[in-house]
């Protein structure tokens, strides 16, 4: 199996790093402190084609009027300025490299790519042609940001026992319930949510403008502080029956399953980027910092930490590359291999970030250095898109199934 990047992928990685160095690195700590991702940054990502990267060209908007942007609650434009990069669909490996480079500077910003692409993938696989034709062009340009609503206060991500309900009323459904911890829920305009229809988990699209729908900002989180988390409130929110995605009862096993597989893929690569960011920061700091008359890097215990950090990061990279290779080749083992990549990479990211803080000492606990933020964000990575404990259950079950299937009949 050859994990060598093509010349195009190498060039893309360089472009991604230049974008991150220009727009994200200088401001990530500020965004973390103010708990906000400026809409200008989201627009810049849309202009680069990052929000359209997974959408087939046939769904890109033709002749879109850039003077008719949608607006967020504060009246600022979200849409793109030009479409020079809209229409350049990325392969799975290049998409992973994008998530890695964004994660190198900001875990919060990775979650924008994650939830936006989760909605896109769910629509591509399970949406009607009418849904795809209407929403994908808007998602491609960033005129509409997608959000994913699964988690609830009392049931977490247990969709089978979700308390949000959808009751049919003629050619409409009336949605009531609440979703929490929704990344970029403060600015997303289209939400893919899971609700119970007669006790069966079902997926629906809900637009922000629907009567009975509202959001509340969530602040003061441990990590992902600039991910603009929100609570979604649905109080007898009426939507047309045509907003159902898939069929009744398909919500978790099919629609959310597709979205979560995509989310885990993004997070795995984002964790890799976060870990590499911590390695790079620690190499730079230990080279410049002197302790007891010599550079910190000359101390054997520091070398031990650095060696472990590099090894953990490289192991995570190989799992991500393996998942990307399988995804690009539509291999059926992708789902399980992606779970393993997300599981290992998130654990590695937290360990590497913890060691980075240790190397930086008291400075590592200060927001003057990025490793403090990376450490907080890394912990969130172990929870989102399926906690590590859920991944352990999934992976172990797969192991038993593979073992039993390999035994002589």
Protein backbone atom coordinates (compact mmCIF):
# COMPACT_ATOMS: atom_id res chain seq x y z
CA UNK A 1 0.00 0.00 0.00
CA UNK A 2 1.54 3.27 -1.15
CA UNK A 3 0.84 6.30 1.05
CA UNK A 4 2.96 8.64 -1.07
CA UNK A 5 1.11 11.86 -1.86
CA UNK A 6 0.70 12.90 -5.47
CA UNK A 7 2.22 16.16 -6.67
CA UNK A 8 -1.26 17.72 -6.67
CA UNK A 9 -1.88 16.64 -3.07
CA UNK A 10 1.50 17.99 -1.98
CA UNK A 11 0.74 21.31 -3.63
CA UNK A 12 -2.69 21.39 -1.98
CA UNK A 13 -1.13 20.78 1.43
CA UNK A 14 1.19 23.75 0.88
CA UNK A 15 -1.77 25.95 -0.11
CA UNK A 16 -3.69 24.87 2.97
CA UNK A 17 -0.75 25.68 5.24
CA UNK A 18 -0.39 29.14 3.67
CA UNK A 19 -4.08 29.82 4.26
CA UNK A 20 -3.82 28.67 7.88
CA UNK A 21 -0.66 30.71 8.50
CA UNK A 22 -2.33 33.82 7.10
CA UNK A 23 -5.85 33.61 8.50
CA UNK A 24 -5.84 31.24 11.47
CA UNK A 25 -2.51 31.08 13.30
CA UNK A 26 -2.27 34.82 14.14
CA UNK A 27 -5.84 34.96 15.47
CA UNK A 28 -6.73 31.53 16.87
CA UNK A 29 -6.02 32.45 20.50
CA UNK A 30 -8.02 35.67 20.17
CA UNK A 31 -10.97 33.79 18.69
CA UNK A 32 -10.70 31.33 21.58
CA UNK A 33 -10.83 34.15 24.13
CA UNK A 34 -13.80 35.92 22.55
CA UNK A 35 -15.46 32.54 21.86
CA UNK A 36 -16.27 33.38 18.27
CA UNK A 37 -15.21 32.55 14.72
CA UNK A 38 -15.60 35.75 12.68
CA UNK A 39 -17.82 35.41 9.66
CA UNK A 40 -15.05 36.95 7.58
CA UNK A 41 -12.97 33.82 8.24
CA UNK A 42 -15.85 31.55 7.25
CA UNK A 43 -16.24 33.60 4.09
CA UNK A 44 -12.51 33.25 3.36
CA UNK A 45 -12.84 29.47 3.68
CA UNK A 46 -15.80 29.54 1.30
CA UNK A 47 -13.82 31.64 -1.18
CA UNK A 48 -11.06 29.02 -1.16
CA UNK A 49 -13.59 26.31 -1.96
CA UNK A 50 -13.17 24.53 1.37
CA UNK A 51 -16.92 24.45 2.04
CA UNK A 52 -17.70 23.05 -1.41
CA UNK A 53 -14.87 20.53 -1.53
CA UNK A 54 -17.03 17.40 -1.20
CA UNK A 55 -19.89 18.46 -3.48
CA UNK A 56 -20.05 17.10 -7.05
CA UNK A 57 -19.70 19.90 -9.62
CA UNK A 58 -23.18 19.34 -11.04
CA UNK A 59 -24.65 20.84 -7.85
CA UNK A 60 -22.65 24.05 -7.89
CA UNK A 61 -24.66 27.24 -8.29
CA UNK A 62 -24.64 28.85 -11.71
CA UNK A 63 -24.66 32.64 -11.89
CA UNK A 64 -25.31 33.09 -8.18
CA UNK A 65 -26.04 36.70 -7.25
CA UNK A 66 -23.41 37.57 -4.68
CA UNK A 67 -25.40 40.63 -3.63
CA UNK A 68 -28.12 38.48 -2.08
CA UNK A 69 -26.21 36.82 0.72
CA UNK A 70 -28.06 35.26 3.59
CA UNK A 71 -27.35 36.99 6.86
CA UNK A 72 -26.76 35.72 10.37
CA UNK A 73 -28.65 36.97 13.42
CA UNK A 74 -26.30 39.95 13.73
CA UNK A 75 -26.88 41.03 10.14
CA UNK A 76 -23.45 40.20 8.72
CA UNK A 77 -22.96 38.61 5.34
CA UNK A 78 -21.83 34.98 5.28
CA UNK A 79 -21.72 34.19 1.55
CA UNK A 80 -18.75 34.17 -0.76
CA UNK A 81 -17.19 37.07 -2.69
CA UNK A 82 -16.25 35.12 -5.80
CA UNK A 83 -16.43 31.55 -7.04
CA UNK A 84 -12.90 31.12 -8.37
CA UNK A 85 -12.39 27.99 -6.26
CA UNK A 86 -16.00 26.79 -6.15
CA UNK A 87 -16.37 23.67 -8.25
CA UNK A 88 -13.04 21.99 -7.51
CA UNK A 89 -14.07 18.76 -5.83
CA UNK A 90 -11.40 17.24 -3.54
CA UNK A 91 -10.45 13.59 -3.30
CA UNK A 92 -10.63 11.97 0.14
CA UNK A 93 -6.91 12.28 0.81
CA UNK A 94 -6.78 15.98 -0.06
CA UNK A 95 -9.81 16.60 2.14
CA UNK A 96 -8.01 14.85 5.00
CA UNK A 97 -4.96 17.04 4.44
CA UNK A 98 -7.18 20.12 4.67
CA UNK A 99 -8.61 18.96 8.01
CA UNK A 100 -5.08 18.24 9.21
CA UNK A 101 -3.76 21.69 8.33
CA UNK A 102 -6.75 23.44 9.89
CA UNK A 103 -6.39 21.27 13.01
CA UNK A 104 -2.72 22.23 13.19
CA UNK A 105 -3.86 25.69 14.29
CA UNK A 106 -7.45 25.38 15.56
CA UNK A 107 -9.52 22.45 16.75
CA UNK A 108 -12.58 24.69 16.80
CA UNK A 109 -12.28 25.47 13.11
CA UNK A 110 -11.99 21.77 12.26
CA UNK A 111 -15.48 21.36 13.68
CA UNK A 112 -16.81 23.80 11.05
CA UNK A 113 -15.50 21.57 8.26
CA UNK A 114 -16.81 18.56 10.18
CA UNK A 115 -20.45 19.51 10.75
CA UNK A 116 -20.80 21.26 7.39
CA UNK A 117 -19.51 18.18 5.55
CA UNK A 118 -21.68 15.87 7.68
CA UNK A 119 -24.81 17.59 6.37
CA UNK A 120 -23.44 17.48 2.82
CA UNK A 121 -22.63 13.77 2.96
CA UNK A 122 -26.02 12.90 4.45
CA UNK A 123 -27.78 14.80 1.67
CA UNK A 124 -25.61 13.26 -1.05
CA UNK A 125 -26.41 9.72 0.11
CA UNK A 126 -29.94 9.98 1.51
CA UNK A 127 -31.44 13.27 0.33
CA UNK A 128 -33.93 13.56 -2.48
CA UNK A 129 -32.80 15.10 -5.75
CA UNK A 130 -34.93 18.14 -4.93
CA UNK A 131 -33.18 18.52 -1.56
CA UNK A 132 -29.75 18.15 -3.12
CA UNK A 133 -30.46 20.54 -5.99
CA UNK A 134 -31.76 23.22 -3.63
CA UNK A 135 -29.35 22.99 -0.69
CA UNK A 136 -26.00 21.80 -2.04
CA UNK A 137 -25.34 24.93 -4.16
CA UNK A 138 -26.01 27.09 -1.10
CA UNK A 139 -23.84 24.90 1.13
CA UNK A 140 -21.10 24.99 -1.51
CA UNK A 141 -20.77 28.78 -1.46
CA UNK A 142 -21.14 29.18 2.29
CA UNK A 143 -24.34 31.16 1.84
CA UNK A 144 -25.76 28.44 4.09
CA UNK A 145 -23.75 26.74 6.84
CA UNK A 146 -24.87 23.25 7.86
CA UNK A 147 -25.33 22.05 11.44
CA UNK A 148 -25.95 18.58 12.85
CA UNK A 149 -28.39 18.11 15.73
CA UNK A 150 -28.18 14.74 17.46
CA UNK A 151 -27.13 15.27 21.08
CA UNK A 152 -29.69 15.97 23.81
CA UNK A 153 -29.27 16.93 27.44
CA UNK A 154 -30.76 13.76 28.97
CA UNK A 155 -29.90 11.16 26.34
CA UNK A 156 -26.62 12.38 24.86
CA UNK A 157 -26.16 10.87 21.40
CA UNK A 158 -28.49 7.94 22.09
CA UNK A 159 -30.82 8.66 19.18
CA UNK A 160 -32.98 5.61 19.88
CA UNK A 161 -34.09 7.26 23.10
CA UNK A 162 -34.08 10.88 21.93
CA UNK A 163 -36.89 12.97 23.33
CA UNK A 164 -37.29 15.28 20.35
CA UNK A 165 -40.49 14.30 18.56
CA UNK A 166 -41.96 14.81 15.10
CA UNK A 167 -45.71 14.48 14.68
CA UNK A 168 -47.25 14.39 11.23
CA UNK A 169 -49.99 16.93 10.53
CA UNK A 170 -51.21 16.68 6.95
CA UNK A 171 -48.33 17.45 4.62
CA UNK A 172 -46.24 18.82 7.51
CA UNK A 173 -44.39 17.60 10.57
CA UNK A 174 -44.42 19.44 13.89
CA UNK A 175 -41.06 19.16 15.68
CA UNK A 176 -40.70 19.67 19.43
CA UNK A 177 -37.59 19.19 21.50
CA UNK A 178 -34.11 20.46 22.24
CA UNK A 179 -30.61 19.67 20.98
CA UNK A 180 -27.45 20.76 22.75
CA UNK A 181 -23.72 21.24 22.12
CA UNK A 182 -24.29 21.93 18.41
CA UNK A 183 -21.10 23.16 16.74
CA UNK A 184 -21.59 26.42 14.85
CA UNK A 185 -25.23 26.33 15.86
CA UNK A 186 -25.04 30.09 16.40
CA UNK A 187 -24.59 30.77 12.67
CA UNK A 188 -25.70 27.61 10.83
CA UNK A 189 -28.82 28.12 8.72
CA UNK A 190 -29.68 24.52 7.88
CA UNK A 191 -29.82 21.82 10.54
CA UNK A 192 -30.00 18.08 10.07
CA UNK A 193 -31.77 16.87 13.23
CA UNK A 194 -32.92 13.51 14.59
CA UNK A 195 -36.45 13.18 15.99
CA UNK A 196 -38.79 10.35 16.96
CA UNK A 197 -41.70 9.59 14.65
CA UNK A 198 -43.90 7.08 16.47
CA UNK A 199 -40.83 5.88 18.36
CA UNK A 200 -38.67 5.58 15.23
CA UNK A 201 -35.58 7.77 14.78
CA UNK A 202 -36.03 9.92 11.68
CA UNK A 203 -33.93 12.67 10.11
CA UNK A 204 -35.27 16.09 9.10
CA UNK A 205 -33.94 19.33 7.68
CA UNK A 206 -34.89 22.43 9.68
CA UNK A 207 -34.15 25.93 8.47
CA UNK A 208 -33.22 28.58 11.02
CA UNK A 209 -36.02 30.84 9.79
CA UNK A 210 -38.80 28.37 10.68
CA UNK A 211 -41.33 29.64 13.22
CA UNK A 212 -40.86 27.89 16.54
CA UNK A 213 -37.13 27.37 16.00
CA UNK A 214 -34.54 29.30 18.02
CA UNK A 215 -30.97 28.94 19.28
CA UNK A 216 -29.14 29.87 22.48
CA UNK A 217 -25.38 30.44 22.60
CA UNK A 218 -23.28 28.17 24.82
CA UNK A 219 -20.19 29.71 26.41
CA UNK A 220 -17.55 28.82 28.98
CA UNK A 221 -16.67 25.41 27.59
CA UNK A 222 -13.39 23.64 28.37
CA UNK A 223 -12.40 23.52 24.70
CA UNK A 224 -13.70 24.32 21.24
CA UNK A 225 -14.53 27.76 22.58
CA UNK A 226 -14.64 29.42 19.18
CA UNK A 227 -16.83 26.67 17.68
CA UNK A 228 -19.87 28.84 18.45
CA UNK A 229 -21.80 26.08 20.20
CA UNK A 230 -25.52 26.45 20.64
CA UNK A 231 -28.65 24.85 22.01
CA UNK A 232 -31.39 24.31 19.43
CA UNK A 233 -34.94 24.86 20.64
CA UNK A 234 -37.86 23.52 18.62
CA UNK A 235 -41.24 24.57 19.99
CA UNK A 236 -43.97 23.17 17.74
CA UNK A 237 -41.77 23.96 14.77
CA UNK A 238 -43.70 23.16 11.60
CA UNK A 239 -41.76 21.94 8.55
CA UNK A 240 -42.97 20.42 5.27
CA UNK A 241 -42.96 16.64 4.98
CA UNK A 242 -40.54 17.07 2.09
CA UNK A 243 -37.89 18.06 4.68
CA UNK A 244 -37.60 14.45 5.81
CA UNK A 245 -34.24 12.91 4.83
CA UNK A 246 -34.49 9.22 4.03
CA UNK A 247 -37.39 7.26 5.48
CA UNK A 248 -39.09 6.97 8.86
CA UNK A 249 -36.83 4.85 11.06
CA UNK A 250 -33.74 5.50 8.90
CA UNK A 251 -32.63 8.49 10.96
CA UNK A 252 -29.89 6.92 13.06
CA UNK A 253 -28.91 3.71 11.28
CA UNK A 254 -28.67 5.29 7.85
CA UNK A 255 -28.71 9.09 7.74
CA UNK A 256 -26.91 9.86 11.02
CA UNK A 257 -24.65 6.87 10.43
CA UNK A 258 -23.44 8.40 7.17
CA UNK A 259 -22.97 11.79 8.83
CA UNK A 260 -21.09 10.36 11.80
CA UNK A 261 -18.76 8.31 9.61
CA UNK A 262 -17.87 11.53 7.81
CA UNK A 263 -17.48 13.36 11.11
CA UNK A 264 -15.10 10.76 12.53
CA UNK A 265 -13.00 10.94 9.40
CA UNK A 266 -12.68 14.73 9.74
CA UNK A 267 -11.95 14.59 13.46
CA UNK A 268 -9.29 11.89 13.03
CA UNK A 269 -7.40 14.12 10.59
CA UNK A 270 -8.02 17.18 12.78
CA UNK A 271 -6.51 15.32 15.74
CA UNK A 272 -3.49 14.49 13.62
CA UNK A 273 -3.07 18.17 12.81
CA UNK A 274 -3.48 19.15 16.46
CA UNK A 275 -0.85 16.62 17.54
CA UNK A 276 1.56 17.81 14.84
CA UNK A 277 0.97 21.38 15.95
CA UNK A 278 1.98 20.41 19.48
CA UNK A 279 5.08 18.59 18.21
CA UNK A 280 6.14 21.59 16.13
CA UNK A 281 5.55 24.00 19.02
CA UNK A 282 7.53 21.80 21.40
CA UNK A 283 10.44 21.38 19.00
CA UNK A 284 10.64 25.15 18.59
CA UNK A 285 10.29 25.87 22.32
CA UNK A 286 12.82 23.25 23.46
CA UNK A 287 15.31 24.57 20.90
CA UNK A 288 15.00 28.20 22.00
CA UNK A 289 14.50 27.70 25.75
CA UNK A 290 17.59 27.29 27.95
CA UNK A 291 17.58 25.50 31.26
CA UNK A 292 20.62 25.05 33.51
CA UNK A 293 22.86 26.60 30.88
CA UNK A 294 21.88 24.43 27.91
CA UNK A 295 18.98 24.22 25.48
CA UNK A 296 15.99 22.35 26.81
CA UNK A 297 16.34 19.88 23.93
CA UNK A 298 19.67 18.69 25.37
CA UNK A 299 17.94 17.24 28.45
CA UNK A 300 17.36 13.51 28.10
CA UNK A 301 13.89 13.53 29.68
CA UNK A 302 12.77 16.18 27.18
CA UNK A 303 14.14 14.01 24.38
CA UNK A 304 12.07 11.11 25.71
CA UNK A 305 8.89 13.20 25.63
CA UNK A 306 9.66 14.47 22.13
CA UNK A 307 10.35 10.95 20.88
CA UNK A 308 7.02 9.68 22.21
CA UNK A 309 5.16 12.67 20.76
CA UNK A 310 6.65 12.18 17.30
CA UNK A 311 5.95 8.43 17.35
CA UNK A 312 2.35 8.84 18.49
CA UNK A 313 1.74 11.48 15.83
CA UNK A 314 3.26 9.38 13.07
CA UNK A 315 1.19 6.34 14.12
CA UNK A 316 -1.96 8.48 13.98
CA UNK A 317 -0.90 9.71 10.53
CA UNK A 318 -0.62 6.16 9.21
CA UNK A 319 -4.11 5.29 10.47
CA UNK A 320 -5.52 8.44 8.85
CA UNK A 321 -3.75 7.70 5.56
CA UNK A 322 -5.09 4.15 5.67
CA UNK A 323 -8.65 5.41 6.21
CA UNK A 324 -8.18 7.90 3.37
CA UNK A 325 -6.92 5.18 1.03
CA UNK A 326 -9.92 2.99 1.85
CA UNK A 327 -12.33 5.91 1.50
CA UNK A 328 -10.94 6.85 -1.89
CA UNK A 329 -11.29 3.26 -3.06
CA UNK A 330 -14.76 2.79 -1.50
CA UNK A 331 -13.56 -0.17 0.52
CA UNK A 332 -16.30 -1.64 2.78
CA UNK A 333 -13.88 -1.82 5.72
CA UNK A 334 -13.68 1.98 5.73
CA UNK A 335 -16.22 2.48 8.52
CA UNK A 336 -14.32 0.38 11.03
CA UNK A 337 -10.91 1.64 10.00
CA UNK A 338 -12.17 5.22 10.34
CA UNK A 339 -13.40 4.48 13.87
CA UNK A 340 -9.96 3.14 14.73
CA UNK A 341 -8.29 6.20 13.24
CA UNK A 342 -10.55 8.55 15.20
CA UNK A 343 -10.11 6.55 18.40
CA UNK A 344 -6.31 6.36 18.23
CA UNK A 345 -5.74 9.86 16.86
CA UNK A 346 -7.87 11.52 19.53
CA UNK A 347 -6.07 9.64 22.31
CA UNK A 348 -2.72 10.47 20.74
CA UNK A 349 -3.67 14.13 20.40
CA UNK A 350 -4.51 14.42 24.09
CA UNK A 351 -1.31 12.65 25.17
CA UNK A 352 0.85 14.70 22.82
CA UNK A 353 -0.85 17.93 23.91
CA UNK A 354 -0.34 17.02 27.57
CA UNK A 355 3.35 16.37 26.98
CA UNK A 356 3.62 19.64 25.06
CA UNK A 357 2.26 21.53 28.06
CA UNK A 358 4.76 19.68 30.28
CA UNK A 359 7.66 20.70 28.03
CA UNK A 360 6.51 24.32 28.09
CA UNK A 361 6.18 24.26 31.90
CA UNK A 362 4.29 27.21 33.34
CA UNK A 363 4.30 28.83 29.90
CA UNK A 364 2.30 25.84 28.69
CA UNK A 365 -0.50 26.86 31.03
CA UNK A 366 -0.65 30.37 29.58
CA UNK A 367 -2.68 31.40 26.56
CA UNK A 368 0.44 33.13 25.29
CA UNK A 369 1.39 29.72 23.86
CA UNK A 370 -0.91 27.62 21.65
CA UNK A 371 -0.33 24.32 23.46
CA UNK A 372 -2.64 25.39 26.31
CA UNK A 373 -5.52 25.74 23.83
CA UNK A 374 -4.55 22.55 21.99
CA UNK A 375 -4.65 20.64 25.28
CA UNK A 376 -8.19 21.82 26.02
CA UNK A 377 -9.36 21.16 22.48
CA UNK A 378 -7.78 17.70 22.44
CA UNK A 379 -9.98 16.58 25.32
CA UNK A 380 -13.08 17.53 23.34
CA UNK A 381 -11.81 15.43 20.44
CA UNK A 382 -12.16 12.33 22.63
CA UNK A 383 -15.87 13.05 23.08
CA UNK A 384 -17.33 14.37 19.83
CA UNK A 385 -18.63 12.29 16.89
CA UNK A 386 -18.83 9.23 19.11
CA UNK A 387 -16.89 9.13 22.39
CA UNK A 388 -13.80 6.97 22.70
CA UNK A 389 -15.78 4.54 24.83
CA UNK A 390 -18.30 4.13 22.01
CA UNK A 391 -15.45 3.57 19.57
CA UNK A 392 -14.03 0.89 21.86
CA UNK A 393 -17.35 -0.94 21.81
CA UNK A 394 -17.63 -0.68 18.03
CA UNK A 395 -14.03 -1.76 17.41
CA UNK A 396 -14.16 -4.71 19.82
CA UNK A 397 -17.40 -5.98 18.27
CA UNK A 398 -15.77 -5.77 14.87
CA UNK A 399 -12.81 -7.72 16.18
CA UNK A 400 -15.04 -10.55 17.41
CA UNK A 401 -16.99 -10.61 14.15
CA UNK A 402 -13.83 -10.79 12.10
CA UNK A 403 -12.45 -13.53 14.33
CA UNK A 404 -15.60 -15.66 14.10
CA UNK A 405 -15.82 -15.23 10.34
CA UNK A 406 -12.24 -16.44 9.96
CA UNK A 407 -12.88 -19.72 11.80
CA UNK A 408 -13.34 -22.95 9.81
CA UNK A 409 -16.99 -23.83 9.21
